[in-house]
Protein backbone atom coordinates (compact mmCIF):
# COMPACT_ATOMS: atom_id res chain seq x y z
CA UNK A 1 -3.50 8.35 -35.12
CA UNK A 2 -5.49 9.42 -32.07
CA UNK A 3 -9.22 9.01 -31.62
CA UNK A 4 -9.67 12.74 -32.32
CA UNK A 5 -7.76 12.40 -35.60
CA UNK A 6 -10.16 9.68 -36.73
CA UNK A 7 -13.10 12.10 -36.63
CA UNK A 8 -14.04 15.01 -38.84
CA UNK A 9 -16.57 17.42 -37.30
CA UNK A 10 -17.89 20.72 -38.57
CA UNK A 11 -20.92 22.83 -37.65
CA UNK A 12 -21.71 25.83 -39.82
CA UNK A 13 -24.52 28.11 -40.95
CA UNK A 14 -26.60 26.54 -43.70
CA UNK A 15 -25.31 28.52 -46.66
CA UNK A 16 -24.23 27.46 -50.14
CA UNK A 17 -21.02 29.43 -49.61
CA UNK A 18 -19.97 26.93 -46.93
CA UNK A 19 -20.02 23.89 -49.23
CA UNK A 20 -16.60 24.53 -50.79
CA UNK A 21 -15.05 25.42 -47.42
CA UNK A 22 -16.24 22.19 -45.81
CA UNK A 23 -15.31 20.13 -48.88
CA UNK A 24 -11.75 21.51 -48.79
CA UNK A 25 -11.39 20.77 -45.06
CA UNK A 26 -12.82 17.26 -45.55
CA UNK A 27 -10.44 16.54 -48.46
CA UNK A 28 -7.54 17.62 -46.24
CA UNK A 29 -8.73 15.30 -43.48
CA UNK A 30 -8.90 12.40 -45.94
CA UNK A 31 -5.40 13.19 -47.22
CA UNK A 32 -4.04 13.21 -43.66
CA UNK A 33 -5.28 9.62 -43.42
CA UNK A 34 -3.72 8.65 -46.75
CA UNK A 35 -7.04 8.37 -48.51
CA UNK A 36 -6.39 9.96 -51.87
CA UNK A 37 -6.92 9.39 -55.54
CA UNK A 38 -10.34 8.32 -56.75
CA UNK A 39 -11.63 7.28 -53.30
CA UNK A 40 -10.89 10.72 -51.86
CA UNK A 41 -12.53 12.36 -54.86
CA UNK A 42 -15.59 10.12 -54.44
CA UNK A 43 -15.91 10.91 -50.74
CA UNK A 44 -15.38 14.63 -51.30
CA UNK A 45 -18.19 14.52 -53.87
CA UNK A 46 -20.45 12.56 -51.50
CA UNK A 47 -19.83 15.07 -48.73
CA UNK A 48 -20.42 18.02 -51.08
CA UNK A 49 -23.71 16.62 -52.35
CA UNK A 50 -25.02 15.93 -48.85
CA UNK A 51 -23.94 19.32 -47.51
CA UNK A 52 -25.38 21.15 -50.53
CA UNK A 53 -28.70 19.33 -50.08
CA UNK A 54 -28.74 20.13 -46.35
CA UNK A 55 -28.01 23.82 -47.00
CA UNK A 56 -30.71 24.03 -49.67
CA UNK A 57 -33.33 22.33 -47.48
CA UNK A 58 -32.53 24.26 -44.30
CA UNK A 59 -34.27 27.43 -43.16
CA UNK A 60 -32.15 30.60 -43.08
CA UNK A 61 -29.86 30.98 -40.06
CA UNK A 62 -30.02 27.29 -39.16
CA UNK A 63 -26.96 25.09 -38.86
CA UNK A 64 -25.63 21.99 -40.57
CA UNK A 65 -23.51 19.40 -38.75
CA UNK A 66 -21.05 17.14 -40.55
CA UNK A 67 -19.46 14.20 -38.77
CA UNK A 68 -17.25 11.58 -40.40
CA UNK A 69 -15.35 8.68 -38.86
CA UNK A 70 -13.06 5.88 -39.90
CA UNK A 71 -13.71 2.34 -38.69
CA UNK A 72 -14.07 -0.53 -41.14
CA UNK A 73 -14.80 2.15 -43.71
CA UNK A 74 -15.90 5.75 -43.76
CA UNK A 75 -19.15 6.80 -42.14
CA UNK A 76 -20.46 10.25 -42.98
CA UNK A 77 -23.40 11.91 -41.24
CA UNK A 78 -24.91 15.23 -42.29
CA UNK A 79 -27.59 16.69 -40.01
CA UNK A 80 -29.80 19.71 -40.61
CA UNK A 81 -33.18 21.22 -39.85
CA UNK A 82 -35.30 20.53 -42.91
CA UNK A 83 -38.04 23.08 -42.71
CA UNK A 84 -40.35 20.22 -43.69
CA UNK A 85 -38.29 18.81 -46.56
CA UNK A 86 -37.67 15.07 -46.40
CA UNK A 87 -34.78 13.80 -48.55
CA UNK A 88 -35.35 11.09 -51.12
CA UNK A 89 -33.38 9.56 -53.94
CA UNK A 90 -34.83 10.78 -57.24
CA UNK A 91 -35.48 7.73 -59.39
CA UNK A 92 -36.89 9.49 -62.45
CA UNK A 93 -34.26 12.19 -62.84
CA UNK A 94 -33.44 12.99 -66.46
CA UNK A 95 -30.12 14.15 -67.82
CA UNK A 96 -31.49 17.65 -68.33
CA UNK A 97 -32.83 18.06 -64.78
CA UNK A 98 -31.21 20.86 -62.80
CA UNK A 99 -31.62 19.07 -59.48
CA UNK A 100 -32.29 15.62 -58.07
CA UNK A 101 -29.11 13.83 -59.10
CA UNK A 102 -27.09 14.39 -55.92
CA UNK A 103 -28.57 11.59 -53.85
CA UNK A 104 -28.38 9.23 -56.83
CA UNK A 105 -24.64 9.95 -56.97
CA UNK A 106 -24.31 9.41 -53.21
CA UNK A 107 -26.24 6.15 -53.41
CA UNK A 108 -23.99 4.94 -56.22
CA UNK A 109 -20.71 5.83 -54.47
CA UNK A 110 -21.57 4.39 -51.05
CA UNK A 111 -22.49 0.98 -49.67
CA UNK A 112 -25.30 2.29 -47.48
CA UNK A 113 -27.47 5.41 -47.49
CA UNK A 114 -30.00 5.98 -44.70
CA UNK A 115 -32.36 8.88 -44.00
CA UNK A 116 -33.35 9.42 -40.36
CA UNK A 117 -36.11 12.03 -40.09
CA UNK A 118 -37.54 13.04 -36.73
CA UNK A 119 -39.80 16.09 -37.09
CA UNK A 120 -37.68 18.70 -38.79
CA UNK A 121 -34.41 17.07 -37.68
CA UNK A 122 -32.90 15.25 -40.66
CA UNK A 123 -29.84 13.02 -40.55
CA UNK A 124 -28.44 11.48 -43.69
CA UNK A 125 -25.91 8.76 -42.97
CA UNK A 126 -23.83 6.89 -45.51
CA UNK A 127 -21.08 4.34 -45.23
CA UNK A 128 -18.63 2.66 -47.56
CA UNK A 129 -15.88 0.18 -46.98
CA UNK A 130 -12.40 1.50 -47.43
CA UNK A 131 -8.99 0.05 -47.07
CA UNK A 132 -7.93 1.04 -43.55
CA UNK A 133 -6.30 4.46 -43.38
CA UNK A 134 -2.52 4.43 -43.63
CA UNK A 135 -2.26 1.23 -45.63
CA UNK A 136 -0.50 1.22 -48.98
CA UNK A 137 -3.66 0.40 -50.95
CA UNK A 138 -5.76 3.21 -49.40
CA UNK A 139 -4.62 5.44 -52.25
CA UNK A 140 -6.67 3.60 -54.87
């Protein structure tokens, strides 16, 4: 695996139609690194939730950046222009709520979730330990 292979990068127009495209590409990248099964499903969900939130919070015609790397685990960063919206984990979300659960899911599936807001530039970074890519137990 080369250094370029260990990174996933995408920049796209903030649009809900891009979520599935980026999720599919990200799932393929995980599979190339032998991350599959429940861990790949978890990370695909995490990425989808963060990208969907970024697209929803972004002004029209702005872009979203996604960057993921392998090291001692997976680090995923999603960056967007917020238009004044600051992300937060919804603590009082009910089962009937139509929104607000995404960041709770992300928080549950990762070891670390950090929001870095500088003006209207928002970066959401999460990390979780993973068996190193290519090892036999990475599939679990």
